[in-house]
Amino acid sequence: MIVLGLTGSIGMGKSTTAKMFAEAGVPVHDSDETVHRLYAGKAAPLVEAAFPGTTASGSVDRTELARRVLGDAAALKRLEAIIHPLVRADADAFLARHRAAGAPLAVLDIPLLFETGGRDRVDKVVVVTASAEIQRTRVLARPGMTEEKLASILAKQVTDAEKRRLADFIIDTGQGLDAARVQVDGIIRQLVG
């Protein structure tokens, strides 16, 4: 089974592209969705132990947790030490299930693939990209997003240019959904025929 890592900076269209792979019948593991699920289950007591008062009714209060860790590098590192191994274990179980089922290709949707050292976990990398102008427009349209928040997020991510340089495949979502779908289909054909 070929494991394809899917990544891209904020606002590039990675989530939409992941859905295109899923619609084409490729199993997709979504790291962000996994974090949400873990926050409502297995991770909640671990997060509460590390950050008392950040859970309610057995689930992580994401707003409170964000308030506690944003801007505090040591706190963020503690949180990542809890969450990243759980997400990785979930992804490993996902891959084992699909490998056993005979899937020829699976996608790990990992927003911070390069930032978290995830390159060694995948066979090939797809980077989703768009122009800086399209990215900015998309991100600033999100509720509660500001220029300052965007700048802070981008400062913590490997640049789009560097991600593209490290990619095996690039999908440009700035050309529209139909063009992106053609690119997805082309990658699938190239990898599994």
N, C-alpha and C. Protein backbone atom coordinates (compact mmCIF):
# COMPACT_ATOMS: atom_id res chain seq x y z
N MET A 1 0.84 -1.19 0.00
CA MET A 1 0.00 0.00 0.00
C MET A 1 0.89 1.25 0.00
N ILE A 2 0.55 2.17 -0.86
CA ILE A 2 1.28 3.44 -0.90
C ILE A 2 0.60 4.40 0.08
N VAL A 3 1.42 5.02 0.93
CA VAL A 3 0.91 6.00 1.89
C VAL A 3 1.27 7.39 1.38
N LEU A 4 0.24 8.16 1.12
CA LEU A 4 0.39 9.50 0.57
C LEU A 4 0.14 10.53 1.67
N GLY A 5 1.12 11.38 1.93
CA GLY A 5 0.94 12.46 2.89
C GLY A 5 0.36 13.67 2.19
N LEU A 6 -0.71 14.21 2.74
CA LEU A 6 -1.37 15.38 2.17
C LEU A 6 -1.19 16.54 3.13
N THR A 7 -0.62 17.64 2.64
CA THR A 7 -0.38 18.78 3.50
C THR A 7 -0.52 20.07 2.71
N GLY A 8 -0.49 21.17 3.42
CA GLY A 8 -0.60 22.49 2.81
C GLY A 8 -0.83 23.51 3.89
N SER A 9 -0.42 24.71 3.65
CA SER A 9 -0.58 25.79 4.62
C SER A 9 -2.05 26.17 4.76
N ILE A 10 -2.35 26.91 5.79
CA ILE A 10 -3.71 27.35 6.07
C ILE A 10 -4.30 28.06 4.84
N GLY A 11 -5.55 27.74 4.54
CA GLY A 11 -6.27 28.42 3.47
C GLY A 11 -5.93 27.98 2.06
N MET A 12 -5.17 26.90 1.93
CA MET A 12 -4.76 26.45 0.60
C MET A 12 -5.77 25.50 -0.04
N GLY A 13 -6.70 24.95 0.75
CA GLY A 13 -7.69 24.04 0.20
C GLY A 13 -7.41 22.58 0.47
N LYS A 14 -6.61 22.31 1.50
CA LYS A 14 -6.23 20.94 1.83
C LYS A 14 -7.43 20.09 2.21
N SER A 15 -8.32 20.61 3.02
CA SER A 15 -9.49 19.83 3.45
C SER A 15 -10.38 19.48 2.27
N THR A 16 -10.57 20.42 1.37
CA THR A 16 -11.37 20.17 0.16
C THR A 16 -10.69 19.11 -0.70
N THR A 17 -9.37 19.19 -0.81
CA THR A 17 -8.63 18.22 -1.60
C THR A 17 -8.70 16.83 -0.96
N ALA A 18 -8.64 16.76 0.36
CA ALA A 18 -8.76 15.46 1.05
C ALA A 18 -10.11 14.83 0.73
N LYS A 19 -11.15 15.64 0.70
CA LYS A 19 -12.49 15.12 0.35
C LYS A 19 -12.50 14.57 -1.07
N MET A 20 -11.76 15.19 -1.96
CA MET A 20 -11.70 14.70 -3.35
C MET A 20 -11.05 13.32 -3.40
N PHE A 21 -10.00 13.10 -2.61
CA PHE A 21 -9.39 11.77 -2.55
C PHE A 21 -10.40 10.77 -2.00
N ALA A 22 -11.10 11.15 -0.94
CA ALA A 22 -12.10 10.24 -0.34
C ALA A 22 -13.21 9.93 -1.34
N GLU A 23 -13.68 10.94 -2.06
CA GLU A 23 -14.74 10.73 -3.06
C GLU A 23 -14.28 9.80 -4.19
N ALA A 24 -12.97 9.76 -4.43
CA ALA A 24 -12.41 8.88 -5.45
C ALA A 24 -12.19 7.47 -4.90
N GLY A 25 -12.57 7.24 -3.65
CA GLY A 25 -12.46 5.91 -3.06
C GLY A 25 -11.18 5.64 -2.30
N VAL A 26 -10.36 6.65 -2.09
CA VAL A 26 -9.11 6.48 -1.36
C VAL A 26 -9.38 6.71 0.13
N PRO A 27 -8.97 5.76 1.00
CA PRO A 27 -9.13 5.98 2.44
C PRO A 27 -8.30 7.19 2.88
N VAL A 28 -8.91 8.08 3.67
CA VAL A 28 -8.23 9.30 4.12
C VAL A 28 -8.32 9.37 5.64
N HIS A 29 -7.17 9.54 6.28
CA HIS A 29 -7.12 9.76 7.73
C HIS A 29 -6.91 11.26 7.94
N ASP A 30 -7.84 11.89 8.65
CA ASP A 30 -7.84 13.33 8.88
C ASP A 30 -7.30 13.61 10.29
N SER A 31 -6.10 14.17 10.38
CA SER A 31 -5.48 14.45 11.67
C SER A 31 -6.29 15.44 12.50
N ASP A 32 -6.83 16.48 11.86
CA ASP A 32 -7.62 17.47 12.60
C ASP A 32 -8.87 16.83 13.21
N GLU A 33 -9.57 16.00 12.41
CA GLU A 33 -10.77 15.32 12.92
C GLU A 33 -10.40 14.38 14.06
N THR A 34 -9.24 13.74 13.96
CA THR A 34 -8.78 12.83 15.00
C THR A 34 -8.55 13.60 16.30
N VAL A 35 -7.95 14.78 16.22
CA VAL A 35 -7.73 15.59 17.42
C VAL A 35 -9.08 15.93 18.06
N HIS A 36 -10.07 16.33 17.26
CA HIS A 36 -11.40 16.64 17.80
C HIS A 36 -11.97 15.43 18.53
N ARG A 37 -11.85 14.24 17.92
CA ARG A 37 -12.38 13.02 18.53
C ARG A 37 -11.63 12.69 19.82
N LEU A 38 -10.30 12.83 19.80
CA LEU A 38 -9.50 12.56 21.00
C LEU A 38 -9.83 13.53 22.13
N TYR A 39 -10.07 14.80 21.77
CA TYR A 39 -10.43 15.79 22.79
C TYR A 39 -11.76 15.46 23.47
N ALA A 40 -12.60 14.71 22.78
CA ALA A 40 -13.89 14.32 23.36
C ALA A 40 -13.81 12.94 24.03
N GLY A 41 -12.61 12.36 24.07
CA GLY A 41 -12.47 11.02 24.62
C GLY A 41 -11.14 10.81 25.31
N LYS A 42 -10.32 9.96 24.70
CA LYS A 42 -9.09 9.47 25.31
C LYS A 42 -8.13 10.57 25.79
N ALA A 43 -8.06 11.68 25.06
CA ALA A 43 -7.10 12.73 25.43
C ALA A 43 -7.59 13.64 26.55
N ALA A 44 -8.90 13.69 26.76
CA ALA A 44 -9.45 14.65 27.72
C ALA A 44 -8.84 14.53 29.12
N PRO A 45 -8.77 13.34 29.72
CA PRO A 45 -8.18 13.28 31.06
C PRO A 45 -6.69 13.63 31.08
N LEU A 46 -5.99 13.32 29.99
CA LEU A 46 -4.57 13.65 29.92
C LEU A 46 -4.37 15.16 29.82
N VAL A 47 -5.21 15.81 29.02
CA VAL A 47 -5.14 17.27 28.88
C VAL A 47 -5.52 17.94 30.20
N GLU A 48 -6.55 17.41 30.85
CA GLU A 48 -6.98 17.98 32.14
C GLU A 48 -5.87 17.87 33.18
N ALA A 49 -5.16 16.75 33.19
CA ALA A 49 -4.07 16.57 34.15
C ALA A 49 -2.95 17.58 33.90
N ALA A 50 -2.68 17.86 32.65
CA ALA A 50 -1.61 18.80 32.30
C ALA A 50 -2.05 20.26 32.40
N PHE A 51 -3.35 20.50 32.14
CA PHE A 51 -3.89 21.86 32.12
C PHE A 51 -5.21 21.86 32.90
N PRO A 52 -5.15 21.83 34.24
CA PRO A 52 -6.37 21.74 35.05
C PRO A 52 -7.37 22.85 34.69
N GLY A 53 -8.65 22.44 34.59
CA GLY A 53 -9.70 23.40 34.29
C GLY A 53 -9.98 23.59 32.82
N THR A 54 -9.37 22.75 31.97
CA THR A 54 -9.57 22.91 30.52
C THR A 54 -10.55 21.90 29.94
N THR A 55 -11.20 21.12 30.80
CA THR A 55 -12.21 20.18 30.31
C THR A 55 -13.53 20.43 31.02
N ALA A 56 -14.60 20.01 30.36
CA ALA A 56 -15.94 20.07 30.93
C ALA A 56 -16.72 18.88 30.41
N SER A 57 -17.42 18.19 31.28
CA SER A 57 -18.23 17.03 30.91
C SER A 57 -17.43 15.99 30.12
N GLY A 58 -16.17 15.81 30.48
CA GLY A 58 -15.36 14.78 29.85
C GLY A 58 -14.76 15.14 28.50
N SER A 59 -14.91 16.39 28.09
CA SER A 59 -14.35 16.84 26.81
C SER A 59 -13.49 18.07 27.03
N VAL A 60 -12.50 18.22 26.16
CA VAL A 60 -11.64 19.40 26.23
C VAL A 60 -12.42 20.61 25.77
N ASP A 61 -12.36 21.68 26.54
CA ASP A 61 -12.92 22.98 26.15
C ASP A 61 -11.84 23.66 25.30
N ARG A 62 -12.02 23.58 23.98
CA ARG A 62 -10.99 24.05 23.07
C ARG A 62 -10.68 25.54 23.25
N THR A 63 -11.69 26.33 23.55
CA THR A 63 -11.48 27.77 23.75
C THR A 63 -10.60 28.01 24.97
N GLU A 64 -10.91 27.33 26.06
CA GLU A 64 -10.13 27.48 27.29
C GLU A 64 -8.71 26.96 27.09
N LEU A 65 -8.59 25.81 26.42
CA LEU A 65 -7.26 25.24 26.17
C LEU A 65 -6.43 26.20 25.31
N ALA A 66 -7.05 26.75 24.27
CA ALA A 66 -6.34 27.70 23.41
C ALA A 66 -5.87 28.90 24.22
N ARG A 67 -6.73 29.39 25.10
CA ARG A 67 -6.37 30.53 25.94
C ARG A 67 -5.14 30.22 26.79
N ARG A 68 -5.04 28.97 27.22
CA ARG A 68 -3.95 28.56 28.10
C ARG A 68 -2.63 28.31 27.38
N VAL A 69 -2.70 27.88 26.11
CA VAL A 69 -1.44 27.49 25.44
C VAL A 69 -0.95 28.48 24.40
N LEU A 70 -1.86 29.26 23.80
CA LEU A 70 -1.42 30.18 22.76
C LEU A 70 -0.49 31.23 23.34
N GLY A 71 0.62 31.42 22.66
CA GLY A 71 1.60 32.40 23.12
C GLY A 71 2.53 31.87 24.19
N ASP A 72 2.35 30.62 24.61
CA ASP A 72 3.20 30.01 25.64
C ASP A 72 3.85 28.78 25.02
N ALA A 73 5.07 28.95 24.53
CA ALA A 73 5.75 27.88 23.79
C ALA A 73 5.89 26.61 24.63
N ALA A 74 6.19 26.76 25.92
CA ALA A 74 6.36 25.57 26.78
C ALA A 74 5.03 24.83 26.95
N ALA A 75 3.95 25.57 27.12
CA ALA A 75 2.62 24.94 27.28
C ALA A 75 2.22 24.24 25.98
N LEU A 76 2.48 24.88 24.85
CA LEU A 76 2.14 24.28 23.57
C LEU A 76 2.93 22.98 23.37
N LYS A 77 4.19 23.00 23.76
CA LYS A 77 5.04 21.81 23.64
C LYS A 77 4.49 20.67 24.53
N ARG A 78 4.02 21.00 25.74
CA ARG A 78 3.42 19.99 26.63
C ARG A 78 2.17 19.40 25.99
N LEU A 79 1.34 20.26 25.40
CA LEU A 79 0.11 19.79 24.76
C LEU A 79 0.45 18.89 23.57
N GLU A 80 1.38 19.30 22.75
CA GLU A 80 1.78 18.50 21.59
C GLU A 80 2.34 17.14 22.02
N ALA A 81 3.06 17.10 23.15
CA ALA A 81 3.61 15.84 23.65
C ALA A 81 2.50 14.87 24.06
N ILE A 82 1.34 15.39 24.40
CA ILE A 82 0.18 14.56 24.72
C ILE A 82 -0.54 14.13 23.45
N ILE A 83 -0.82 15.09 22.57
CA ILE A 83 -1.70 14.85 21.42
C ILE A 83 -1.00 14.15 20.25
N HIS A 84 0.19 14.56 19.90
CA HIS A 84 0.84 14.00 18.70
C HIS A 84 0.99 12.47 18.75
N PRO A 85 1.44 11.89 19.88
CA PRO A 85 1.53 10.42 19.90
C PRO A 85 0.17 9.73 19.76
N LEU A 86 -0.88 10.32 20.30
CA LEU A 86 -2.22 9.74 20.18
C LEU A 86 -2.71 9.79 18.73
N VAL A 87 -2.46 10.91 18.06
CA VAL A 87 -2.86 11.05 16.65
C VAL A 87 -2.05 10.07 15.80
N ARG A 88 -0.79 9.95 16.10
CA ARG A 88 0.06 9.03 15.33
C ARG A 88 -0.42 7.59 15.51
N ALA A 89 -0.75 7.20 16.73
CA ALA A 89 -1.24 5.83 16.99
C ALA A 89 -2.55 5.59 16.25
N ASP A 90 -3.42 6.59 16.22
CA ASP A 90 -4.69 6.47 15.50
C ASP A 90 -4.42 6.29 14.00
N ALA A 91 -3.49 7.06 13.47
CA ALA A 91 -3.16 6.96 12.05
C ALA A 91 -2.52 5.60 11.74
N ASP A 92 -1.68 5.12 12.63
CA ASP A 92 -1.05 3.81 12.41
C ASP A 92 -2.11 2.71 12.38
N ALA A 93 -3.10 2.78 13.28
CA ALA A 93 -4.19 1.79 13.30
C ALA A 93 -5.01 1.89 12.01
N PHE A 94 -5.27 3.11 11.56
CA PHE A 94 -5.98 3.34 10.30
C PHE A 94 -5.24 2.68 9.13
N LEU A 95 -3.94 2.90 9.05
CA LEU A 95 -3.14 2.33 7.98
C LEU A 95 -3.14 0.80 8.05
N ALA A 96 -3.02 0.26 9.25
CA ALA A 96 -3.01 -1.20 9.41
C ALA A 96 -4.33 -1.80 8.93
N ARG A 97 -5.45 -1.15 9.28
CA ARG A 97 -6.77 -1.64 8.83
C ARG A 97 -6.87 -1.65 7.31
N HIS A 98 -6.45 -0.57 6.68
CA HIS A 98 -6.59 -0.47 5.23
C HIS A 98 -5.56 -1.32 4.49
N ARG A 99 -4.39 -1.49 5.09
CA ARG A 99 -3.39 -2.39 4.49
C ARG A 99 -3.94 -3.81 4.52
N ALA A 100 -4.52 -4.22 5.65
CA ALA A 100 -5.09 -5.57 5.78
C ALA A 100 -6.26 -5.78 4.82
N ALA A 101 -6.99 -4.70 4.53
CA ALA A 101 -8.13 -4.79 3.62
C ALA A 101 -7.70 -4.76 2.14
N GLY A 102 -6.40 -4.57 1.91
CA GLY A 102 -5.89 -4.60 0.54
C GLY A 102 -5.98 -3.29 -0.22
N ALA A 103 -6.15 -2.17 0.49
CA ALA A 103 -6.20 -0.88 -0.19
C ALA A 103 -4.85 -0.61 -0.86
N PRO A 104 -4.86 -0.18 -2.13
CA PRO A 104 -3.59 0.09 -2.81
C PRO A 104 -2.98 1.45 -2.42
N LEU A 105 -3.82 2.34 -1.88
CA LEU A 105 -3.40 3.71 -1.58
C LEU A 105 -4.19 4.21 -0.39
N ALA A 106 -3.53 4.95 0.49
CA ALA A 106 -4.21 5.62 1.61
C ALA A 106 -3.57 6.98 1.79
N VAL A 107 -4.37 7.92 2.28
CA VAL A 107 -3.91 9.29 2.48
C VAL A 107 -3.88 9.62 3.97
N LEU A 108 -2.77 10.18 4.42
CA LEU A 108 -2.70 10.78 5.75
C LEU A 108 -2.75 12.28 5.56
N ASP A 109 -3.86 12.89 5.98
CA ASP A 109 -4.05 14.33 5.89
C ASP A 109 -3.42 14.93 7.15
N ILE A 110 -2.22 15.49 6.99
CA ILE A 110 -1.46 16.01 8.13
C ILE A 110 -1.10 17.47 7.86
N PRO A 111 -1.84 18.41 8.47
CA PRO A 111 -1.58 19.82 8.21
C PRO A 111 -0.12 20.23 8.44
N LEU A 112 0.49 19.72 9.50
CA LEU A 112 1.86 20.10 9.84
C LEU A 112 2.83 18.96 9.55
N LEU A 113 2.69 18.34 8.40
CA LEU A 113 3.50 17.19 8.02
C LEU A 113 4.99 17.47 8.16
N PHE A 114 5.46 18.55 7.57
CA PHE A 114 6.89 18.87 7.60
C PHE A 114 7.31 19.38 8.98
N GLU A 115 6.42 20.17 9.60
CA GLU A 115 6.74 20.79 10.89
C GLU A 115 6.87 19.76 12.01
N THR A 116 6.16 18.62 11.88
CA THR A 116 6.16 17.61 12.94
C THR A 116 7.01 16.38 12.59
N GLY A 117 7.81 16.48 11.54
CA GLY A 117 8.67 15.36 11.17
C GLY A 117 7.93 14.18 10.58
N GLY A 118 6.78 14.44 9.97
CA GLY A 118 5.96 13.36 9.45
C GLY A 118 6.38 12.83 8.09
N ARG A 119 7.36 13.43 7.46
CA ARG A 119 7.78 13.01 6.12
C ARG A 119 8.21 11.55 6.08
N ASP A 120 8.82 11.09 7.18
CA ASP A 120 9.31 9.71 7.21
C ASP A 120 8.19 8.67 7.34
N ARG A 121 6.96 9.12 7.58
CA ARG A 121 5.82 8.21 7.75
C ARG A 121 5.09 7.93 6.44
N VAL A 122 5.46 8.63 5.38
CA VAL A 122 4.72 8.52 4.12
C VAL A 122 5.67 8.19 2.97
N ASP A 123 5.08 7.62 1.91
CA ASP A 123 5.88 7.27 0.73
C ASP A 123 6.04 8.45 -0.21
N LYS A 124 4.97 9.23 -0.36
CA LYS A 124 4.97 10.39 -1.25
C LYS A 124 4.21 11.52 -0.56
N VAL A 125 4.51 12.76 -0.96
CA VAL A 125 3.85 13.93 -0.36
C VAL A 125 3.16 14.75 -1.44
N VAL A 126 1.89 15.09 -1.16
CA VAL A 126 1.13 16.02 -1.99
C VAL A 126 1.02 17.32 -1.21
N VAL A 127 1.42 18.41 -1.82
CA VAL A 127 1.26 19.73 -1.21
C VAL A 127 0.15 20.46 -1.97
N VAL A 128 -0.82 20.95 -1.19
CA VAL A 128 -1.92 21.73 -1.75
C VAL A 128 -1.52 23.20 -1.64
N THR A 129 -1.68 23.92 -2.73
CA THR A 129 -1.21 25.30 -2.77
C THR A 129 -2.20 26.19 -3.51
N ALA A 130 -2.01 27.46 -3.39
CA ALA A 130 -2.75 28.49 -4.13
C ALA A 130 -1.90 29.76 -4.02
N SER A 131 -2.26 30.78 -4.74
CA SER A 131 -1.49 32.03 -4.63
C SER A 131 -1.65 32.62 -3.24
N ALA A 132 -0.69 33.44 -2.84
CA ALA A 132 -0.74 34.10 -1.53
C ALA A 132 -2.00 34.97 -1.42
N GLU A 133 -2.42 35.58 -2.53
CA GLU A 133 -3.61 36.42 -2.52
C GLU A 133 -4.87 35.59 -2.26
N ILE A 134 -4.98 34.45 -2.93
CA ILE A 134 -6.14 33.57 -2.71
C ILE A 134 -6.13 33.04 -1.28
N GLN A 135 -4.96 32.63 -0.82
CA GLN A 135 -4.83 32.13 0.55
C GLN A 135 -5.31 33.18 1.55
N ARG A 136 -4.82 34.39 1.43
CA ARG A 136 -5.17 35.47 2.35
C ARG A 136 -6.67 35.74 2.33
N THR A 137 -7.26 35.78 1.14
CA THR A 137 -8.70 36.02 1.01
C THR A 137 -9.49 34.92 1.70
N ARG A 138 -9.11 33.66 1.47
CA ARG A 138 -9.82 32.53 2.07
C ARG A 138 -9.73 32.57 3.60
N VAL A 139 -8.52 32.79 4.10
CA VAL A 139 -8.31 32.74 5.55
C VAL A 139 -9.02 33.91 6.25
N LEU A 140 -8.92 35.10 5.68
CA LEU A 140 -9.54 36.25 6.33
C LEU A 140 -11.06 36.21 6.28
N ALA A 141 -11.63 35.34 5.44
CA ALA A 141 -13.08 35.17 5.40
C ALA A 141 -13.59 34.29 6.54
N ARG A 142 -12.67 33.64 7.25
CA ARG A 142 -13.06 32.76 8.36
C ARG A 142 -13.50 33.59 9.55
N PRO A 143 -14.50 33.11 10.30
CA PRO A 143 -14.96 33.85 11.48
C PRO A 143 -13.83 34.03 12.49
N GLY A 144 -13.70 35.26 12.99
CA GLY A 144 -12.73 35.55 14.03
C GLY A 144 -11.29 35.68 13.55
N MET A 145 -11.05 35.54 12.26
CA MET A 145 -9.67 35.61 11.75
C MET A 145 -9.28 37.07 11.53
N THR A 146 -8.04 37.36 11.87
CA THR A 146 -7.50 38.71 11.67
C THR A 146 -6.16 38.60 10.94
N GLU A 147 -5.69 39.71 10.44
CA GLU A 147 -4.36 39.76 9.80
C GLU A 147 -3.29 39.28 10.78
N GLU A 148 -3.42 39.69 12.06
CA GLU A 148 -2.43 39.32 13.08
C GLU A 148 -2.44 37.81 13.32
N LYS A 149 -3.63 37.22 13.42
CA LYS A 149 -3.72 35.77 13.63
C LYS A 149 -3.13 35.03 12.44
N LEU A 150 -3.45 35.49 11.24
CA LEU A 150 -2.91 34.86 10.04
C LEU A 150 -1.39 34.93 10.05
N ALA A 151 -0.84 36.09 10.34
CA ALA A 151 0.62 36.25 10.37
C ALA A 151 1.24 35.32 11.41
N SER A 152 0.60 35.17 12.56
CA SER A 152 1.10 34.31 13.62
C SER A 152 1.09 32.85 13.18
N ILE A 153 0.02 32.42 12.53
CA ILE A 153 -0.09 31.04 12.04
C ILE A 153 0.98 30.77 10.99
N LEU A 154 1.10 31.67 10.03
CA LEU A 154 2.08 31.47 8.95
C LEU A 154 3.51 31.46 9.47
N ALA A 155 3.77 32.22 10.53
CA ALA A 155 5.12 32.27 11.10
C ALA A 155 5.53 30.93 11.69
N LYS A 156 4.54 30.10 12.07
CA LYS A 156 4.83 28.80 12.68
C LYS A 156 4.87 27.68 11.66
N GLN A 157 4.54 27.96 10.40
CA GLN A 157 4.48 26.93 9.38
C GLN A 157 5.66 27.05 8.42
N VAL A 158 6.08 25.90 7.90
CA VAL A 158 7.05 25.90 6.81
C VAL A 158 6.41 26.69 5.67
N THR A 159 7.16 27.51 4.98
CA THR A 159 6.59 28.35 3.93
C THR A 159 6.01 27.51 2.80
N ASP A 160 5.06 28.08 2.10
CA ASP A 160 4.45 27.39 0.96
C ASP A 160 5.52 27.05 -0.08
N ALA A 161 6.43 27.97 -0.33
CA ALA A 161 7.48 27.72 -1.32
C ALA A 161 8.34 26.52 -0.92
N GLU A 162 8.68 26.42 0.35
CA GLU A 162 9.49 25.29 0.82
C GLU A 162 8.69 24.00 0.75
N LYS A 163 7.40 24.04 1.11
CA LYS A 163 6.56 22.84 1.00
C LYS A 163 6.50 22.36 -0.44
N ARG A 164 6.32 23.30 -1.37
CA ARG A 164 6.27 22.92 -2.79
C ARG A 164 7.59 22.30 -3.23
N ARG A 165 8.69 22.85 -2.73
CA ARG A 165 10.01 22.32 -3.08
C ARG A 165 10.17 20.88 -2.59
N LEU A 166 9.59 20.57 -1.45
CA LEU A 166 9.73 19.24 -0.85
C LEU A 166 8.69 18.23 -1.34
N ALA A 167 7.73 18.69 -2.13
CA ALA A 167 6.61 17.85 -2.56
C ALA A 167 6.99 16.89 -3.68
N ASP A 168 6.28 15.75 -3.68
CA ASP A 168 6.34 14.85 -4.84
C ASP A 168 5.28 15.25 -5.86
N PHE A 169 4.16 15.78 -5.36
CA PHE A 169 3.06 16.24 -6.19
C PHE A 169 2.56 17.56 -5.64
N ILE A 170 2.07 18.43 -6.53
CA ILE A 170 1.50 19.71 -6.13
C ILE A 170 0.11 19.82 -6.74
N ILE A 171 -0.85 20.21 -5.90
CA ILE A 171 -2.21 20.48 -6.39
C ILE A 171 -2.48 21.95 -6.16
N ASP A 172 -2.75 22.67 -7.23
CA ASP A 172 -3.04 24.10 -7.16
C ASP A 172 -4.54 24.29 -7.14
N THR A 173 -5.07 24.65 -5.96
CA THR A 173 -6.52 24.84 -5.83
C THR A 173 -6.96 26.23 -6.29
N GLY A 174 -6.02 27.06 -6.65
CA GLY A 174 -6.35 28.40 -7.14
C GLY A 174 -6.98 28.38 -8.52
N GLN A 175 -6.93 27.23 -9.18
CA GLN A 175 -7.49 27.10 -10.53
C GLN A 175 -8.96 26.65 -10.50
N GLY A 176 -9.49 26.43 -9.29
CA GLY A 176 -10.88 26.00 -9.16
C GLY A 176 -11.00 24.53 -8.80
N LEU A 177 -12.21 24.13 -8.37
CA LEU A 177 -12.45 22.77 -7.90
C LEU A 177 -12.30 21.73 -9.00
N ASP A 178 -12.80 22.02 -10.19
CA ASP A 178 -12.71 21.04 -11.28
C ASP A 178 -11.26 20.75 -11.62
N ALA A 179 -10.44 21.79 -11.70
CA ALA A 179 -9.02 21.60 -12.01
C ALA A 179 -8.32 20.82 -10.90
N ALA A 180 -8.67 21.10 -9.65
CA ALA A 180 -8.07 20.37 -8.53
C ALA A 180 -8.46 18.90 -8.59
N ARG A 181 -9.72 18.62 -8.93
CA ARG A 181 -10.19 17.23 -9.02
C ARG A 181 -9.44 16.47 -10.12
N VAL A 182 -9.18 17.14 -11.23
CA VAL A 182 -8.41 16.52 -12.32
C VAL A 182 -7.00 16.19 -11.82
N GLN A 183 -6.41 17.09 -11.04
CA GLN A 183 -5.07 16.85 -10.50
C GLN A 183 -5.08 15.66 -9.52
N VAL A 184 -6.11 15.59 -8.67
CA VAL A 184 -6.24 14.47 -7.73
C VAL A 184 -6.34 13.16 -8.50
N ASP A 185 -7.22 13.12 -9.49
CA ASP A 185 -7.41 11.90 -10.28
C ASP A 185 -6.11 11.50 -10.98
N GLY A 186 -5.36 12.47 -11.46
CA GLY A 186 -4.09 12.19 -12.12
C GLY A 186 -3.07 11.57 -11.17
N ILE A 187 -3.04 12.04 -9.94
CA ILE A 187 -2.11 11.49 -8.94
C ILE A 187 -2.50 10.05 -8.62
N ILE A 188 -3.79 9.81 -8.44
CA ILE A 188 -4.26 8.45 -8.14
C ILE A 188 -3.89 7.51 -9.28
N ARG A 189 -4.15 7.93 -10.51
CA ARG A 189 -3.81 7.09 -11.68
C ARG A 189 -2.32 6.81 -11.73
N GLN A 190 -1.51 7.84 -11.49
CA GLN A 190 -0.07 7.69 -11.56
C GLN A 190 0.42 6.70 -10.50
N LEU A 191 -0.18 6.70 -9.31
CA LEU A 191 0.31 5.86 -8.22
C LEU A 191 -0.23 4.44 -8.25
N VAL A 192 -1.50 4.29 -8.66
CA VAL A 192 -2.10 2.94 -8.58
C VAL A 192 -2.70 2.47 -9.89
N GLY A 193 -2.57 3.26 -10.94
CA GLY A 193 -3.01 2.83 -12.26
C GLY A 193 -4.46 2.97 -12.55
